[in-house]
Amino acid sequence: MLPLTTTTLLLSCLGAVAGLAVGTNPQHEIQGLGSKRKPCPKPTATCLAPNALQTASQYTGLEEGTPGIRDGLSESKTDSANFINFCAGRTLTNGQQNTAGSCNGIPMGRIPATTNMISTIITYPQPGDLVPANTTFTVRIQTRHLRAGYLVNPSSNYYTAPQDLDENGDIIGHCHISVQNIGSLRSLEVPDPTKFAYFKGVDDAGDGKGALEAEVTGGLPAGVYRVCTMVAARNHQPVAMPVAQRGAQDDCTKFEVGGA
């Protein structure tokens, strides 16, 4: 049985405490107990379906007897309705890349099985390679279990839909390539993420066997660089994996750019 507060939330969001109903006709109405008649939502419901409720969110994870408890763990925030209103009153992401920060209420979505976790390696440039300065070159990567070639409009649909899987259970999405000047192969300074020498969202499917590439037209000035992959779901969100203990889904390598 659902907690009373959850049940009330599920029902009252439609304007009735008498029962849960979602009408496909915008003129359809429901009658609440002692309430005025209110129109039901249009076909897209704004209520949390009972079979979408995840009860684990109602616990901190540190309750006595909970498996996995150990020193050093933090309490989880809790909510009785999947944090459905977590972003209420905050600046919403709403499809935009908000540089001042925002709150996104879209679910994380479908998560693959461990047998379909994404893995990536950069095949060019290799660690320590010397690439000619100001000369076009191609970054090449090899991926596993990424259904590449799906990249939505980043100006209007940034984070607007959940992560999804294809018919094989692989994440549908794409890969970003980011290159930053780090000054030295042995640099201990953390790079500024707002500064990059090259960035590309690879929007094609590559060779269909996991190989993707991005051309760095005109090359880069002389220096030492770090190139990284940033694998994303269709709506640009970092991919979500099924378990914490795993190999990384992304790769980085350092290389040099010298005299042409």
C-alpha atoms as a PDB file:
ATOM      1  CA  MET A   1       0.000   0.000   0.000  1.00  0.00           C
ATOM      2  CA  LEU A   2       1.281   3.486  -0.846  1.00  0.00           C
ATOM      3  CA  PRO A   3       1.907   5.901   2.025  1.00  0.00           C
ATOM      4  CA  LEU A   4      -1.004   8.264   2.632  1.00  0.00           C
ATOM      5  CA  THR A   5       1.030  11.328   1.665  1.00  0.00           C
ATOM      6  CA  THR A   6       2.037   9.706  -1.618  1.00  0.00           C
ATOM      7  CA  THR A   7      -1.507   8.591  -2.433  1.00  0.00           C
ATOM      8  CA  THR A   8      -2.843  12.043  -1.684  1.00  0.00           C
ATOM      9  CA  LEU A   9      -0.211  13.631  -3.903  1.00  0.00           C
ATOM     10  CA  LEU A  10      -0.968  11.266  -6.763  1.00  0.00           C
ATOM     11  CA  LEU A  11      -4.665  11.966  -6.614  1.00  0.00           C
ATOM     12  CA  SER A  12      -4.790  15.616  -5.640  1.00  0.00           C
ATOM     13  CA  CYS A  13      -2.575  16.655  -8.529  1.00  0.00           C
ATOM     14  CA  LEU A  14      -5.616  15.982 -10.730  1.00  0.00           C
ATOM     15  CA  GLY A  15      -7.857  18.073  -8.519  1.00  0.00           C
ATOM     16  CA  ALA A  16      -9.674  15.136  -6.930  1.00  0.00           C
ATOM     17  CA  VAL A  17      -9.058  13.130  -3.795  1.00  0.00           C
ATOM     18  CA  ALA A  18     -11.707  10.602  -4.764  1.00  0.00           C
ATOM     19  CA  GLY A  19      -9.756   8.708  -7.411  1.00  0.00           C
ATOM     20  CA  LEU A  20      -6.937   8.801  -9.940  1.00  0.00           C
ATOM     21  CA  ALA A  21      -7.987   9.403 -13.516  1.00  0.00           C
ATOM     22  CA  VAL A  22      -6.277  10.660 -16.620  1.00  0.00           C
ATOM     23  CA  GLY A  23      -8.588  11.656 -19.445  1.00  0.00           C
ATOM     24  CA  THR A  24      -7.615  11.706 -23.103  1.00  0.00           C
ATOM     25  CA  ASN A  25     -10.402  14.189 -23.795  1.00  0.00           C
ATOM     26  CA  PRO A  26      -9.513  17.672 -22.515  1.00  0.00           C
ATOM     27  CA  GLN A  27     -13.232  18.304 -21.918  1.00  0.00           C
ATOM     28  CA  HIS A  28     -13.582  15.240 -19.685  1.00  0.00           C
ATOM     29  CA  GLU A  29     -14.172  16.120 -16.050  1.00  0.00           C
ATOM     30  CA  ILE A  30     -13.906  14.364 -12.706  1.00  0.00           C
ATOM     31  CA  GLN A  31     -15.805  14.984  -9.518  1.00  0.00           C
ATOM     32  CA  GLY A  32     -13.860  15.307  -6.273  1.00  0.00           C
ATOM     33  CA  LEU A  33     -15.397  14.788  -2.875  1.00  0.00           C
ATOM     34  CA  GLY A  34     -16.986  18.072  -1.955  1.00  0.00           C
ATOM     35  CA  SER A  35     -14.986  19.883  -4.649  1.00  0.00           C
ATOM     36  CA  LYS A  36     -15.894  21.759  -7.765  1.00  0.00           C
ATOM     37  CA  ARG A  37     -15.666  19.966 -11.068  1.00  0.00           C
ATOM     38  CA  LYS A  38     -12.256  20.484 -12.648  1.00  0.00           C
ATOM     39  CA  PRO A  39     -11.042  19.622 -16.153  1.00  0.00           C
ATOM     40  CA  CYS A  40      -8.657  16.709 -16.464  1.00  0.00           C
ATOM     41  CA  PRO A  41      -5.269  17.279 -18.048  1.00  0.00           C
ATOM     42  CA  LYS A  42      -4.791  16.996 -21.780  1.00  0.00           C
ATOM     43  CA  PRO A  43      -3.398  13.659 -23.046  1.00  0.00           C
ATOM     44  CA  THR A  44       0.005  14.225 -21.466  1.00  0.00           C
ATOM     45  CA  ALA A  45      -0.548  13.612 -17.757  1.00  0.00           C
ATOM     46  CA  THR A  46       1.236  15.655 -15.106  1.00  0.00           C
ATOM     47  CA  CYS A  47       0.805  13.117 -12.339  1.00  0.00           C
ATOM     48  CA  LEU A  48       3.076  10.372 -11.083  1.00  0.00           C
ATOM     49  CA  ALA A  49       1.704   6.965 -12.067  1.00  0.00           C
ATOM     50  CA  PRO A  50       1.492   4.572  -9.085  1.00  0.00           C
ATOM     51  CA  ASN A  51       3.542   1.921 -10.897  1.00  0.00           C
ATOM     52  CA  ALA A  52       6.355   4.451 -11.417  1.00  0.00           C
ATOM     53  CA  LEU A  53       6.826   5.038  -7.694  1.00  0.00           C
ATOM     54  CA  GLN A  54      10.223   3.956  -6.332  1.00  0.00           C
ATOM     55  CA  THR A  55       9.933   3.349  -2.613  1.00  0.00           C
ATOM     56  CA  ALA A  56      13.715   3.317  -2.073  1.00  0.00           C
ATOM     57  CA  SER A  57      13.604   7.125  -2.266  1.00  0.00           C
ATOM     58  CA  GLN A  58      11.697   7.142   1.024  1.00  0.00           C
ATOM     59  CA  TYR A  59      14.747   5.948   2.974  1.00  0.00           C
ATOM     60  CA  THR A  60      18.110   7.524   3.799  1.00  0.00           C
ATOM     61  CA  GLY A  61      20.006   4.265   3.320  1.00  0.00           C
ATOM     62  CA  LEU A  62      21.286   4.400   6.900  1.00  0.00           C
ATOM     63  CA  GLU A  63      18.257   2.891   8.635  1.00  0.00           C
ATOM     64  CA  GLU A  64      19.134   0.076  10.994  1.00  0.00           C
ATOM     65  CA  GLY A  65      19.354  -3.257   9.197  1.00  0.00           C
ATOM     66  CA  THR A  66      19.863  -1.745   5.726  1.00  0.00           C
ATOM     67  CA  PRO A  67      22.357  -3.791   3.659  1.00  0.00           C
ATOM     68  CA  GLY A  68      25.646  -2.067   2.859  1.00  0.00           C
ATOM     69  CA  ILE A  69      25.813   0.275   5.853  1.00  0.00           C
ATOM     70  CA  ARG A  70      29.377   1.257   6.779  1.00  0.00           C
ATOM     71  CA  ASP A  71      31.287   4.172   8.241  1.00  0.00           C
ATOM     72  CA  GLY A  72      31.748   7.107   5.899  1.00  0.00           C
ATOM     73  CA  LEU A  73      28.384   6.869   4.127  1.00  0.00           C
ATOM     74  CA  SER A  74      26.134   9.934   3.864  1.00  0.00           C
ATOM     75  CA  GLU A  75      22.379  10.063   4.279  1.00  0.00           C
ATOM     76  CA  SER A  76      20.354  10.211   1.101  1.00  0.00           C
ATOM     77  CA  LYS A  77      17.697  12.876   0.762  1.00  0.00           C
ATOM     78  CA  THR A  78      14.238  11.364   0.807  1.00  0.00           C
ATOM     79  CA  ASP A  79      10.910  11.933  -0.880  1.00  0.00           C
ATOM     80  CA  SER A  80       7.673   9.963  -0.986  1.00  0.00           C
ATOM     81  CA  ALA A  81       6.912  10.687  -4.648  1.00  0.00           C
ATOM     82  CA  ASN A  82      10.112  10.264  -6.692  1.00  0.00           C
ATOM     83  CA  PHE A  83      11.135  13.889  -6.088  1.00  0.00           C
ATOM     84  CA  ILE A  84       8.547  14.825  -8.698  1.00  0.00           C
ATOM     85  CA  ASN A  85       8.442  18.424  -7.454  1.00  0.00           C
ATOM     86  CA  PHE A  86      12.114  18.765  -6.568  1.00  0.00           C
ATOM     87  CA  CYS A  87      12.573  21.642  -9.010  1.00  0.00           C
ATOM     88  CA  ALA A  88       9.438  23.563  -8.020  1.00  0.00           C
ATOM     89  CA  GLY A  89      10.344  27.184  -7.306  1.00  0.00           C
ATOM     90  CA  ARG A  90      13.802  26.854  -8.851  1.00  0.00           C
ATOM     91  CA  THR A  91      15.156  28.003 -12.196  1.00  0.00           C
ATOM     92  CA  LEU A  92      14.234  25.206 -14.584  1.00  0.00           C
ATOM     93  CA  THR A  93      16.654  23.877 -17.185  1.00  0.00           C
ATOM     94  CA  ASN A  94      13.796  23.690 -19.696  1.00  0.00           C
ATOM     95  CA  GLY A  95      15.989  22.659 -22.618  1.00  0.00           C
ATOM     96  CA  GLN A  96      18.539  25.427 -22.170  1.00  0.00           C
ATOM     97  CA  GLN A  97      22.244  25.397 -21.349  1.00  0.00           C
ATOM     98  CA  ASN A  98      21.924  27.810 -18.449  1.00  0.00           C
ATOM     99  CA  THR A  99      25.393  29.048 -17.513  1.00  0.00           C
ATOM    100  CA  ALA A 100      24.092  30.368 -14.184  1.00  0.00           C
ATOM    101  CA  GLY A 101      22.833  26.926 -13.169  1.00  0.00           C
ATOM    102  CA  SER A 102      19.367  25.393 -13.186  1.00  0.00           C
ATOM    103  CA  CYS A 103      17.244  22.498 -11.953  1.00  0.00           C
ATOM    104  CA  ASN A 104      16.212  19.647 -14.245  1.00  0.00           C
ATOM    105  CA  GLY A 105      13.221  17.527 -13.290  1.00  0.00           C
ATOM    106  CA  ILE A 106      13.421  15.051 -16.179  1.00  0.00           C
ATOM    107  CA  PRO A 107      13.918  11.399 -15.032  1.00  0.00           C
ATOM    108  CA  MET A 108      17.286   9.739 -15.577  1.00  0.00           C
ATOM    109  CA  GLY A 109      15.571   7.137 -17.719  1.00  0.00           C
ATOM    110  CA  ARG A 110      16.404   3.599 -18.801  1.00  0.00           C
ATOM    111  CA  ILE A 111      19.696   2.181 -17.556  1.00  0.00           C
ATOM    112  CA  PRO A 112      21.480  -0.658 -19.388  1.00  0.00           C
ATOM    113  CA  ALA A 113      22.428  -4.055 -18.018  1.00  0.00           C
ATOM    114  CA  THR A 114      26.037  -4.598 -16.960  1.00  0.00           C
ATOM    115  CA  THR A 115      26.534  -6.544 -20.188  1.00  0.00           C
ATOM    116  CA  ASN A 116      25.701  -3.374 -22.131  1.00  0.00           C
ATOM    117  CA  MET A 117      27.789  -0.843 -20.229  1.00  0.00           C
ATOM    118  CA  ILE A 118      29.608   1.708 -22.390  1.00  0.00           C
ATOM    119  CA  SER A 119      33.383   1.681 -22.700  1.00  0.00           C
ATOM    120  CA  THR A 120      35.553   4.006 -24.795  1.00  0.00           C
ATOM    121  CA  ILE A 121      39.192   4.316 -25.813  1.00  0.00           C
ATOM    122  CA  ILE A 122      40.974   6.998 -27.814  1.00  0.00           C
ATOM    123  CA  THR A 123      42.972   5.370 -30.603  1.00  0.00           C
ATOM    124  CA  TYR A 124      44.488   8.602 -31.963  1.00  0.00           C
ATOM    125  CA  PRO A 125      46.333  10.556 -30.779  1.00  0.00           C
ATOM    126  CA  GLN A 126      48.194   8.071 -28.596  1.00  0.00           C
ATOM    127  CA  PRO A 127      49.792   9.075 -25.261  1.00  0.00           C
ATOM    128  CA  GLY A 128      52.818  11.295 -25.857  1.00  0.00           C
ATOM    129  CA  ASP A 129      52.257  11.566 -29.618  1.00  0.00           C
ATOM    130  CA  LEU A 130      53.716  14.643 -31.339  1.00  0.00           C
ATOM    131  CA  VAL A 131      51.163  16.164 -33.689  1.00  0.00           C
ATOM    132  CA  PRO A 132      52.256  18.896 -36.159  1.00  0.00           C
ATOM    133  CA  ALA A 133      51.115  22.391 -35.143  1.00  0.00           C
ATOM    134  CA  ASN A 134      48.394  24.191 -37.091  1.00  0.00           C
ATOM    135  CA  THR A 135      47.813  21.116 -39.226  1.00  0.00           C
ATOM    136  CA  THR A 136      44.465  19.332 -39.571  1.00  0.00           C
ATOM    137  CA  PHE A 137      44.313  15.991 -37.792  1.00  0.00           C
ATOM    138  CA  THR A 138      41.605  13.544 -36.786  1.00  0.00           C
ATOM    139  CA  VAL A 139      40.747  12.340 -33.293  1.00  0.00           C
ATOM    140  CA  ARG A 140      39.720   8.696 -33.463  1.00  0.00           C
ATOM    141  CA  ILE A 141      37.907   6.717 -30.793  1.00  0.00           C
ATOM    142  CA  GLN A 142      36.480   3.229 -30.409  1.00  0.00           C
ATOM    143  CA  THR A 143      33.340   2.677 -28.369  1.00  0.00           C
ATOM    144  CA  ARG A 144      31.474  -0.354 -27.090  1.00  0.00           C
ATOM    145  CA  HIS A 145      27.703  -0.543 -26.558  1.00  0.00           C
ATOM    146  CA  LEU A 146      26.939   3.014 -27.704  1.00  0.00           C
ATOM    147  CA  ARG A 147      24.191   3.386 -30.324  1.00  0.00           C
ATOM    148  CA  ALA A 148      25.896   6.438 -31.787  1.00  0.00           C
ATOM    149  CA  GLY A 149      24.526   9.060 -34.174  1.00  0.00           C
ATOM    150  CA  TYR A 150      21.749  10.497 -32.010  1.00  0.00           C
ATOM    151  CA  LEU A 151      22.253  14.121 -30.940  1.00  0.00           C
ATOM    152  CA  VAL A 152      19.335  16.477 -30.354  1.00  0.00           C
ATOM    153  CA  ASN A 153      19.287  20.262 -30.729  1.00  0.00           C
ATOM    154  CA  PRO A 154      21.471  21.503 -27.833  1.00  0.00           C
ATOM    155  CA  SER A 155      19.905  24.972 -27.983  1.00  0.00           C
ATOM    156  CA  SER A 156      16.336  23.844 -27.311  1.00  0.00           C
ATOM    157  CA  ASN A 157      16.367  20.262 -26.016  1.00  0.00           C
ATOM    158  CA  TYR A 158      19.270  20.084 -23.589  1.00  0.00           C
ATOM    159  CA  TYR A 159      18.355  17.418 -20.983  1.00  0.00           C
ATOM    160  CA  THR A 160      14.670  17.463 -22.044  1.00  0.00           C
ATOM    161  CA  ALA A 161      14.186  13.673 -22.309  1.00  0.00           C
ATOM    162  CA  PRO A 162      15.366  10.626 -20.349  1.00  0.00           C
ATOM    163  CA  GLN A 163      18.184   8.307 -21.364  1.00  0.00           C
ATOM    164  CA  ASP A 164      16.827   5.498 -23.528  1.00  0.00           C
ATOM    165  CA  LEU A 165      17.988   2.139 -24.891  1.00  0.00           C
ATOM    166  CA  ASP A 166      17.760   0.576 -28.328  1.00  0.00           C
ATOM    167  CA  GLU A 167      16.416  -2.875 -29.164  1.00  0.00           C
ATOM    168  CA  ASN A 168      19.720  -4.427 -28.117  1.00  0.00           C
ATOM    169  CA  GLY A 169      19.793  -2.716 -24.733  1.00  0.00           C
ATOM    170  CA  ASP A 170      22.490  -0.200 -25.718  1.00  0.00           C
ATOM    171  CA  ILE A 171      22.283   3.486 -24.810  1.00  0.00           C
ATOM    172  CA  ILE A 172      21.108   5.715 -27.648  1.00  0.00           C
ATOM    173  CA  GLY A 173      23.318   8.778 -27.857  1.00  0.00           C
ATOM    174  CA  HIS A 174      26.575  10.243 -29.084  1.00  0.00           C
ATOM    175  CA  CYS A 175      30.087  11.206 -28.037  1.00  0.00           C
ATOM    176  CA  HIS A 176      31.633  14.616 -27.407  1.00  0.00           C
ATOM    177  CA  ILE A 177      35.336  15.241 -27.969  1.00  0.00           C
ATOM    178  CA  SER A 178      36.994  17.905 -25.811  1.00  0.00           C
ATOM    179  CA  VAL A 179      40.609  19.097 -26.071  1.00  0.00           C
ATOM    180  CA  GLN A 180      42.273  21.352 -23.487  1.00  0.00           C
ATOM    181  CA  ASN A 181      45.739  22.885 -23.283  1.00  0.00           C
ATOM    182  CA  ILE A 182      47.272  21.606 -20.033  1.00  0.00           C
ATOM    183  CA  GLY A 183      50.743  23.141 -20.427  1.00  0.00           C
ATOM    184  CA  SER A 184      52.799  20.062 -19.550  1.00  0.00           C
ATOM    185  CA  LEU A 185      52.557  16.283 -19.692  1.00  0.00           C
ATOM    186  CA  ARG A 186      53.289  16.252 -15.953  1.00  0.00           C
ATOM    187  CA  SER A 187      51.041  19.174 -15.016  1.00  0.00           C
ATOM    188  CA  LEU A 188      49.447  19.031 -11.562  1.00  0.00           C
ATOM    189  CA  GLU A 189      47.155  21.986 -12.204  1.00  0.00           C
ATOM    190  CA  VAL A 190      43.479  21.152 -12.639  1.00  0.00           C
ATOM    191  CA  PRO A 191      42.242  22.422 -16.036  1.00  0.00           C
ATOM    192  CA  ASP A 192      39.550  25.109 -16.134  1.00  0.00           C
ATOM    193  CA  PRO A 193      36.480  23.345 -17.624  1.00  0.00           C
ATOM    194  CA  THR A 194      35.236  26.605 -19.159  1.00  0.00           C
ATOM    195  CA  LYS A 195      38.318  26.789 -21.367  1.00  0.00           C
ATOM    196  CA  PHE A 196      38.948  24.379 -24.228  1.00  0.00           C
ATOM    197  CA  ALA A 197      40.951  24.426 -27.430  1.00  0.00           C
ATOM    198  CA  TYR A 198      38.548  22.218 -29.373  1.00  0.00           C
ATOM    199  CA  PHE A 199      35.086  20.746 -28.836  1.00  0.00           C
ATOM    200  CA  LYS A 200      32.929  18.592 -31.055  1.00  0.00           C
ATOM    201  CA  GLY A 201      29.692  16.696 -30.635  1.00  0.00           C
ATOM    202  CA  VAL A 202      30.019  13.730 -32.980  1.00  0.00           C
ATOM    203  CA  ASP A 203      26.546  13.430 -34.500  1.00  0.00           C
ATOM    204  CA  ASP A 204      27.096  10.539 -36.916  1.00  0.00           C
ATOM    205  CA  ALA A 205      27.082   6.780 -36.370  1.00  0.00           C
ATOM    206  CA  GLY A 206      30.683   6.317 -37.470  1.00  0.00           C
ATOM    207  CA  ASP A 207      31.420   2.979 -39.094  1.00  0.00           C
ATOM    208  CA  GLY A 208      28.517   1.292 -37.318  1.00  0.00           C
ATOM    209  CA  LYS A 209      30.971  -0.860 -35.356  1.00  0.00           C
ATOM    210  CA  GLY A 210      31.811   1.615 -32.602  1.00  0.00           C
ATOM    211  CA  ALA A 211      34.502   3.633 -34.368  1.00  0.00           C
ATOM    212  CA  LEU A 212      33.963   7.408 -34.320  1.00  0.00           C
ATOM    213  CA  GLU A 213      36.131  10.320 -35.363  1.00  0.00           C
ATOM    214  CA  ALA A 214      36.275  14.114 -35.316  1.00  0.00           C
ATOM    215  CA  GLU A 215      38.403  16.302 -37.580  1.00  0.00           C
ATOM    216  CA  VAL A 216      40.304  19.132 -35.917  1.00  0.00           C
ATOM    217  CA  THR A 217      40.326  21.486 -38.895  1.00  0.00           C
ATOM    218  CA  GLY A 218      43.406  23.694 -38.983  1.00  0.00           C
ATOM    219  CA  GLY A 219      44.959  21.793 -36.096  1.00  0.00           C
ATOM    220  CA  LEU A 220      46.137  23.333 -32.827  1.00  0.00           C
ATOM    221  CA  PRO A 221      48.915  25.739 -31.801  1.00  0.00           C
ATOM    222  CA  ALA A 222      52.064  24.256 -30.299  1.00  0.00           C
ATOM    223  CA  GLY A 223      51.550  23.039 -26.746  1.00  0.00           C
ATOM    224  CA  VAL A 224      50.608  20.074 -24.573  1.00  0.00           C
ATOM    225  CA  TYR A 225      46.995  18.952 -24.637  1.00  0.00           C
ATOM    226  CA  ARG A 226      44.561  16.550 -23.029  1.00  0.00           C
ATOM    227  CA  VAL A 227      41.884  15.028 -25.253  1.00  0.00           C
ATOM    228  CA  CYS A 228      38.858  13.384 -23.604  1.00  0.00           C
ATOM    229  CA  THR A 229      35.671  11.669 -24.625  1.00  0.00           C
ATOM    230  CA  MET A 230      32.373  12.636 -23.001  1.00  0.00           C
ATOM    231  CA  VAL A 231      29.796  10.024 -23.929  1.00  0.00           C
ATOM    232  CA  ALA A 232      26.221  11.281 -23.669  1.00  0.00           C
ATOM    233  CA  ALA A 233      22.682  10.083 -24.140  1.00  0.00           C
ATOM    234  CA  ARG A 234      20.579  11.559 -26.940  1.00  0.00           C
ATOM    235  CA  ASN A 235      19.769  14.733 -24.968  1.00  0.00           C
ATOM    236  CA  HIS A 236      23.402  15.404 -23.995  1.00  0.00           C
ATOM    237  CA  GLN A 237      23.219  14.115 -20.419  1.00  0.00           C
ATOM    238  CA  PRO A 238      26.190  12.051 -19.213  1.00  0.00           C
ATOM    239  CA  VAL A 239      25.332   8.378 -19.578  1.00  0.00           C
ATOM    240  CA  ALA A 240      24.052   6.575 -16.471  1.00  0.00           C
ATOM    241  CA  MET A 241      25.397   3.092 -15.748  1.00  0.00           C
ATOM    242  CA  PRO A 242      23.785   0.255 -13.714  1.00  0.00           C
ATOM    243  CA  VAL A 243      26.519  -0.281 -11.099  1.00  0.00           C
ATOM    244  CA  ALA A 244      29.054   1.929  -9.300  1.00  0.00           C
ATOM    245  CA  GLN A 245      31.978  -0.495  -9.415  1.00  0.00           C
ATOM    246  CA  ARG A 246      32.999  -0.617 -13.065  1.00  0.00           C
ATOM    247  CA  GLY A 247      35.514   0.630 -15.591  1.00  0.00           C
ATOM    248  CA  ALA A 248      35.075   4.224 -16.742  1.00  0.00           C
ATOM    249  CA  GLN A 249      32.880   4.865 -19.760  1.00  0.00           C
ATOM    250  CA  ASP A 250      35.165   7.690 -20.964  1.00  0.00           C
ATOM    251  CA  ASP A 251      38.820   8.015 -21.886  1.00  0.00           C
ATOM    252  CA  CYS A 252      41.446  10.775 -21.832  1.00  0.00           C
ATOM    253  CA  THR A 253      44.958  10.913 -23.207  1.00  0.00           C
ATOM    254  CA  LYS A 254      47.725  13.531 -23.309  1.00  0.00           C
ATOM    255  CA  PHE A 255      49.680  14.507 -26.397  1.00  0.00           C
ATOM    256  CA  GLU A 256      51.950  17.219 -27.714  1.00  0.00           C
ATOM    257  CA  VAL A 257      51.606  19.597 -30.619  1.00  0.00           C
ATOM    258  CA  GLY A 258      54.886  20.765 -32.120  1.00  0.00           C
ATOM    259  CA  GLY A 259      56.361  22.697 -35.016  1.00  0.00           C
ATOM    260  CA  ALA A 260      54.764  22.021 -38.382  1.00  0.00           C
END
